[in-house]
Amino acid sequence: MLTNTSNSYGWIAIAFHWLSALAVFGLFALGYWMVDLDYYSSWYKEAPHLHKSIGLLLALLTLARIGWKIKQTTPKGIGAKWEIAAAHFTHLALYLLLLSIFLTGYLISTADGRGIDVFNWFTLPSSGEWVEHQEDIAGDIHRWLAYTVIGLAILHAAAAIKHHVISKDNTLKRMLTPTINEDEE
């Protein structure tokens, strides 16, 4: 089953979710590590290149994910009304924060007028410097948005574990496989 139903996520939505999660946590770890590299480190140029390339691919994945989400049935929420509302708010916040991170990353990387080379496949052109000290301002915003995304992602994961362990419902299971029996809810 590739598409969502009213009770289950399809394989495409599941793949979007887990690829995004892997990329977000990987990019956060790489970004956190690379800011302390000095000029003499062998990773000084390679780490930012990887961070930017993977970040831009995640941006494309996120746009595709949002498009897919708009066109798909959304499985009905599980849990109390406040839990369902909190989940919707958290998902919306994660999407908005990710889009903001992509924009600030672009502003950091292109402030000097150079485009962003993505794994030597293509170059995203620069729009130049819009404001003085753009890379510093955007860098600070980028960092705090990243911390916020990680915090929300951890909260999101904790809520899924709570549903699985304490509530004993299918919230987590349906993000692992779309084969949940429609009557199990």
C-alpha atoms as a PDB file:
ATOM      1  CA  MET A   1       0.000   0.000   0.000  1.00  0.00           C
ATOM      2  CA  LEU A   2       1.715   3.167  -1.204  1.00  0.00           C
ATOM      3  CA  THR A   3      -0.942   5.711  -0.253  1.00  0.00           C
ATOM      4  CA  ASN A   4      -2.536   6.664   3.051  1.00  0.00           C
ATOM      5  CA  THR A   5      -5.921   5.518   4.264  1.00  0.00           C
ATOM      6  CA  SER A   6      -8.087   7.033   6.977  1.00  0.00           C
ATOM      7  CA  ASN A   7      -6.391   4.711   9.508  1.00  0.00           C
ATOM      8  CA  SER A   8      -2.916   4.124   8.126  1.00  0.00           C
ATOM      9  CA  TYR A   9       0.053   5.839   6.496  1.00  0.00           C
ATOM     10  CA  GLY A  10       1.257   4.405   3.187  1.00  0.00           C
ATOM     11  CA  TRP A  11       4.821   3.443   2.343  1.00  0.00           C
ATOM     12  CA  ILE A  12       5.533   6.780   0.653  1.00  0.00           C
ATOM     13  CA  ALA A  13       4.536   8.843   3.708  1.00  0.00           C
ATOM     14  CA  ILE A  14       6.470   6.451   5.944  1.00  0.00           C
ATOM     15  CA  ALA A  15       9.581   6.766   3.747  1.00  0.00           C
ATOM     16  CA  PHE A  16       9.279  10.578   3.763  1.00  0.00           C
ATOM     17  CA  HIS A  17       9.010  10.545   7.567  1.00  0.00           C
ATOM     18  CA  TRP A  18      12.017   8.317   8.291  1.00  0.00           C
ATOM     19  CA  LEU A  19      14.280   9.814   5.595  1.00  0.00           C
ATOM     20  CA  SER A  20      13.479  13.264   6.988  1.00  0.00           C
ATOM     21  CA  ALA A  21      14.158  12.157  10.559  1.00  0.00           C
ATOM     22  CA  LEU A  22      17.486  10.598   9.591  1.00  0.00           C
ATOM     23  CA  ALA A  23      18.524  13.696   7.631  1.00  0.00           C
ATOM     24  CA  VAL A  24      17.433  16.148  10.356  1.00  0.00           C
ATOM     25  CA  PHE A  25      19.333  14.376  13.125  1.00  0.00           C
ATOM     26  CA  GLY A  26      22.328  13.732  10.864  1.00  0.00           C
ATOM     27  CA  LEU A  27      22.472  17.364   9.734  1.00  0.00           C
ATOM     28  CA  PHE A  28      22.159  18.572  13.306  1.00  0.00           C
ATOM     29  CA  ALA A  29      25.034  16.351  14.444  1.00  0.00           C
ATOM     30  CA  LEU A  30      27.181  17.351  11.467  1.00  0.00           C
ATOM     31  CA  GLY A  31      26.418  21.044  11.963  1.00  0.00           C
ATOM     32  CA  TYR A  32      27.103  20.885  15.679  1.00  0.00           C
ATOM     33  CA  TRP A  33      30.431  19.147  15.040  1.00  0.00           C
ATOM     34  CA  MET A  34      31.628  21.216  12.088  1.00  0.00           C
ATOM     35  CA  VAL A  35      31.348  24.648  13.722  1.00  0.00           C
ATOM     36  CA  ASP A  36      34.391  23.830  15.847  1.00  0.00           C
ATOM     37  CA  LEU A  37      36.601  22.707  12.957  1.00  0.00           C
ATOM     38  CA  ASP A  38      39.642  24.844  12.329  1.00  0.00           C
ATOM     39  CA  TYR A  39      41.288  25.710   9.054  1.00  0.00           C
ATOM     40  CA  TYR A  40      43.819  22.889   9.435  1.00  0.00           C
ATOM     41  CA  SER A  41      41.225  20.148   9.818  1.00  0.00           C
ATOM     42  CA  SER A  42      40.888  17.827   6.841  1.00  0.00           C
ATOM     43  CA  TRP A  43      37.104  18.231   7.204  1.00  0.00           C
ATOM     44  CA  TYR A  44      37.154  22.051   7.174  1.00  0.00           C
ATOM     45  CA  LYS A  45      35.805  22.259   3.606  1.00  0.00           C
ATOM     46  CA  GLU A  46      34.200  18.844   3.249  1.00  0.00           C
ATOM     47  CA  ALA A  47      31.873  19.025   6.289  1.00  0.00           C
ATOM     48  CA  PRO A  48      30.146  22.268   5.214  1.00  0.00           C
ATOM     49  CA  HIS A  49      29.871  20.911   1.647  1.00  0.00           C
ATOM     50  CA  LEU A  50      28.138  17.766   2.955  1.00  0.00           C
ATOM     51  CA  HIS A  51      25.924  19.819   5.294  1.00  0.00           C
ATOM     52  CA  LYS A  52      24.794  22.142   2.499  1.00  0.00           C
ATOM     53  CA  SER A  53      24.306  19.351  -0.047  1.00  0.00           C
ATOM     54  CA  ILE A  54      22.306  17.120   2.277  1.00  0.00           C
ATOM     55  CA  GLY A  55      20.404  20.173   3.559  1.00  0.00           C
ATOM     56  CA  LEU A  56      19.329  21.146   0.048  1.00  0.00           C
ATOM     57  CA  LEU A  57      18.277  17.584  -0.721  1.00  0.00           C
ATOM     58  CA  LEU A  58      16.275  17.587   2.516  1.00  0.00           C
ATOM     59  CA  ALA A  59      14.668  20.868   1.405  1.00  0.00           C
ATOM     60  CA  LEU A  60      13.574  19.195  -1.847  1.00  0.00           C
ATOM     61  CA  LEU A  61      12.362  16.139   0.080  1.00  0.00           C
ATOM     62  CA  THR A  62      10.423  18.368   2.469  1.00  0.00           C
ATOM     63  CA  LEU A  63       8.724  20.241  -0.377  1.00  0.00           C
ATOM     64  CA  ALA A  64       7.820  16.906  -1.984  1.00  0.00           C
ATOM     65  CA  ARG A  65       6.578  15.664   1.397  1.00  0.00           C
ATOM     66  CA  ILE A  66       4.376  18.710   1.889  1.00  0.00           C
ATOM     67  CA  GLY A  67       2.973  18.276  -1.627  1.00  0.00           C
ATOM     68  CA  TRP A  68       2.317  14.592  -0.949  1.00  0.00           C
ATOM     69  CA  LYS A  69       0.669  15.408   2.379  1.00  0.00           C
ATOM     70  CA  ILE A  70      -1.661  17.939   0.745  1.00  0.00           C
ATOM     71  CA  LYS A  71      -2.805  15.389  -1.846  1.00  0.00           C
ATOM     72  CA  GLN A  72      -3.177  12.447   0.539  1.00  0.00           C
ATOM     73  CA  THR A  73      -5.774  11.369   3.043  1.00  0.00           C
ATOM     74  CA  THR A  74      -4.602  12.134   6.553  1.00  0.00           C
ATOM     75  CA  PRO A  75      -5.119   9.191   8.902  1.00  0.00           C
ATOM     76  CA  LYS A  76      -7.386  10.101  11.776  1.00  0.00           C
ATOM     77  CA  GLY A  77      -5.646  11.040  15.000  1.00  0.00           C
ATOM     78  CA  ILE A  78      -5.387   8.656  17.909  1.00  0.00           C
ATOM     79  CA  GLY A  79      -5.730   9.779  21.506  1.00  0.00           C
ATOM     80  CA  ALA A  80      -7.421  12.565  23.405  1.00  0.00           C
ATOM     81  CA  LYS A  81      -8.475  15.711  21.548  1.00  0.00           C
ATOM     82  CA  TRP A  82      -5.670  17.715  23.153  1.00  0.00           C
ATOM     83  CA  GLU A  83      -3.106  15.108  22.023  1.00  0.00           C
ATOM     84  CA  ILE A  84      -4.390  15.225  18.463  1.00  0.00           C
ATOM     85  CA  ALA A  85      -4.335  19.052  18.502  1.00  0.00           C
ATOM     86  CA  ALA A  86      -0.796  19.043  19.967  1.00  0.00           C
ATOM     87  CA  ALA A  87       0.344  16.602  17.260  1.00  0.00           C
ATOM     88  CA  HIS A  88      -1.108  18.802  14.496  1.00  0.00           C
ATOM     89  CA  PHE A  89       0.546  21.900  15.982  1.00  0.00           C
ATOM     90  CA  THR A  90       3.884  20.091  16.343  1.00  0.00           C
ATOM     91  CA  HIS A  91       3.814  18.823  12.750  1.00  0.00           C
ATOM     92  CA  LEU A  92       2.962  22.285  11.420  1.00  0.00           C
ATOM     93  CA  ALA A  93       5.702  23.847  13.569  1.00  0.00           C
ATOM     94  CA  LEU A  94       8.259  21.285  12.333  1.00  0.00           C
ATOM     95  CA  TYR A  95       7.429  22.030   8.682  1.00  0.00           C
ATOM     96  CA  LEU A  96       7.609  25.804   9.229  1.00  0.00           C
ATOM     97  CA  LEU A  97      10.847  25.538  11.192  1.00  0.00           C
ATOM     98  CA  LEU A  98      12.441  23.301   8.556  1.00  0.00           C
ATOM     99  CA  LEU A  99      11.486  25.710   5.772  1.00  0.00           C
ATOM    100  CA  SER A 100      12.958  28.567   7.832  1.00  0.00           C
ATOM    101  CA  ILE A 101      16.153  26.578   8.410  1.00  0.00           C
ATOM    102  CA  PHE A 102      16.491  25.983   4.680  1.00  0.00           C
ATOM    103  CA  LEU A 103      16.065  29.709   3.987  1.00  0.00           C
ATOM    104  CA  THR A 104      18.576  30.788   6.635  1.00  0.00           C
ATOM    105  CA  GLY A 105      21.059  28.153   5.449  1.00  0.00           C
ATOM    106  CA  TYR A 106      20.728  29.523   1.934  1.00  0.00           C
ATOM    107  CA  LEU A 107      21.276  33.087   3.209  1.00  0.00           C
ATOM    108  CA  ILE A 108      24.395  32.023   5.136  1.00  0.00           C
ATOM    109  CA  SER A 109      25.900  30.135   2.222  1.00  0.00           C
ATOM    110  CA  THR A 110      25.198  32.638  -0.560  1.00  0.00           C
ATOM    111  CA  ALA A 111      25.914  35.943   1.205  1.00  0.00           C
ATOM    112  CA  ASP A 112      29.321  36.076  -0.506  1.00  0.00           C
ATOM    113  CA  GLY A 113      27.723  35.834  -3.958  1.00  0.00           C
ATOM    114  CA  ARG A 114      28.672  32.195  -4.590  1.00  0.00           C
ATOM    115  CA  GLY A 115      26.058  29.548  -5.299  1.00  0.00           C
ATOM    116  CA  ILE A 116      25.733  26.291  -3.394  1.00  0.00           C
ATOM    117  CA  ASP A 117      27.262  23.272  -5.084  1.00  0.00           C
ATOM    118  CA  VAL A 118      25.211  20.154  -4.366  1.00  0.00           C
ATOM    119  CA  PHE A 119      27.459  17.064  -4.550  1.00  0.00           C
ATOM    120  CA  ASN A 120      28.878  18.370  -7.860  1.00  0.00           C
ATOM    121  CA  TRP A 121      25.492  17.551  -9.447  1.00  0.00           C
ATOM    122  CA  PHE A 122      24.212  21.118  -9.771  1.00  0.00           C
ATOM    123  CA  THR A 123      24.696  24.562  -8.271  1.00  0.00           C
ATOM    124  CA  LEU A 124      21.931  26.551  -6.643  1.00  0.00           C
ATOM    125  CA  PRO A 125      22.606  30.165  -7.636  1.00  0.00           C
ATOM    126  CA  SER A 126      23.196  32.921  -5.099  1.00  0.00           C
ATOM    127  CA  SER A 127      20.879  35.855  -4.653  1.00  0.00           C
ATOM    128  CA  GLY A 128      23.715  37.774  -3.011  1.00  0.00           C
ATOM    129  CA  GLU A 129      23.819  39.687   0.220  1.00  0.00           C
ATOM    130  CA  TRP A 130      20.456  41.248   1.120  1.00  0.00           C
ATOM    131  CA  VAL A 131      21.553  42.868   4.388  1.00  0.00           C
ATOM    132  CA  GLU A 132      24.879  43.768   5.941  1.00  0.00           C
ATOM    133  CA  HIS A 133      26.356  40.878   7.979  1.00  0.00           C
ATOM    134  CA  GLN A 134      23.736  38.560   6.480  1.00  0.00           C
ATOM    135  CA  GLU A 135      25.764  35.396   7.077  1.00  0.00           C
ATOM    136  CA  ASP A 136      26.175  36.196  10.795  1.00  0.00           C
ATOM    137  CA  ILE A 137      22.534  37.126  11.376  1.00  0.00           C
ATOM    138  CA  ALA A 138      21.230  34.181   9.362  1.00  0.00           C
ATOM    139  CA  GLY A 139      23.757  31.915  11.102  1.00  0.00           C
ATOM    140  CA  ASP A 140      22.476  32.801  14.555  1.00  0.00           C
ATOM    141  CA  ILE A 141      18.867  32.291  13.469  1.00  0.00           C
ATOM    142  CA  HIS A 142      19.779  29.027  11.709  1.00  0.00           C
ATOM    143  CA  ARG A 143      21.423  27.663  14.860  1.00  0.00           C
ATOM    144  CA  TRP A 144      18.474  28.491  17.152  1.00  0.00           C
ATOM    145  CA  LEU A 145      15.942  27.146  14.665  1.00  0.00           C
ATOM    146  CA  ALA A 146      17.963  23.906  14.511  1.00  0.00           C
ATOM    147  CA  TYR A 147      17.939  23.587  18.314  1.00  0.00           C
ATOM    148  CA  THR A 148      14.177  24.178  18.282  1.00  0.00           C
ATOM    149  CA  VAL A 149      13.607  21.537  15.587  1.00  0.00           C
ATOM    150  CA  ILE A 150      15.648  18.986  17.527  1.00  0.00           C
ATOM    151  CA  GLY A 151      13.717  19.788  20.708  1.00  0.00           C
ATOM    152  CA  LEU A 152      10.376  19.354  18.927  1.00  0.00           C
ATOM    153  CA  ALA A 153      11.577  16.179  17.205  1.00  0.00           C
ATOM    154  CA  ILE A 154      12.565  14.702  20.573  1.00  0.00           C
ATOM    155  CA  LEU A 155       9.166  15.696  21.994  1.00  0.00           C
ATOM    156  CA  HIS A 156       7.514  14.129  18.927  1.00  0.00           C
ATOM    157  CA  ALA A 157       9.441  10.874  19.430  1.00  0.00           C
ATOM    158  CA  ALA A 158       8.653  10.849  23.172  1.00  0.00           C
ATOM    159  CA  ALA A 159       4.949  11.256  22.402  1.00  0.00           C
ATOM    160  CA  ALA A 160       5.082   8.342  19.950  1.00  0.00           C
ATOM    161  CA  ILE A 161       6.797   6.171  22.569  1.00  0.00           C
ATOM    162  CA  LYS A 162       4.198   7.240  25.164  1.00  0.00           C
ATOM    163  CA  HIS A 163       1.430   6.148  22.799  1.00  0.00           C
ATOM    164  CA  HIS A 164       3.141   2.824  22.232  1.00  0.00           C
ATOM    165  CA  VAL A 165       4.168   1.995  25.810  1.00  0.00           C
ATOM    166  CA  ILE A 166       1.547   3.689  27.989  1.00  0.00           C
ATOM    167  CA  SER A 167      -1.531   4.152  25.780  1.00  0.00           C
ATOM    168  CA  LYS A 168      -0.796   0.915  23.890  1.00  0.00           C
ATOM    169  CA  ASP A 169      -2.337   2.245  20.677  1.00  0.00           C
ATOM    170  CA  ASN A 170      -1.194   2.115  17.038  1.00  0.00           C
ATOM    171  CA  THR A 171       0.263   5.615  16.753  1.00  0.00           C
ATOM    172  CA  LEU A 172       3.857   4.392  16.420  1.00  0.00           C
ATOM    173  CA  LYS A 173       3.030   1.138  14.627  1.00  0.00           C
ATOM    174  CA  ARG A 174       1.290   2.903  11.764  1.00  0.00           C
ATOM    175  CA  MET A 175       4.426   4.975  11.079  1.00  0.00           C
ATOM    176  CA  LEU A 176       6.406   1.736  10.785  1.00  0.00           C
ATOM    177  CA  THR A 177       4.141  -0.221   8.455  1.00  0.00           C
ATOM    178  CA  PRO A 178       0.935   0.493   6.545  1.00  0.00           C
ATOM    179  CA  THR A 179      -0.426  -2.999   7.078  1.00  0.00           C
ATOM    180  CA  ILE A 180      -2.391  -2.260  10.234  1.00  0.00           C
ATOM    181  CA  ASN A 181      -5.800  -3.861  10.137  1.00  0.00           C
ATOM    182  CA  GLU A 182      -8.414  -1.126   9.726  1.00  0.00           C
ATOM    183  CA  ASP A 183     -10.363  -2.582  12.680  1.00  0.00           C
ATOM    184  CA  GLU A 184      -7.442  -2.418  15.139  1.00  0.00           C
ATOM    185  CA  GLU A 185      -7.888   1.246  15.993  1.00  0.00           C
END
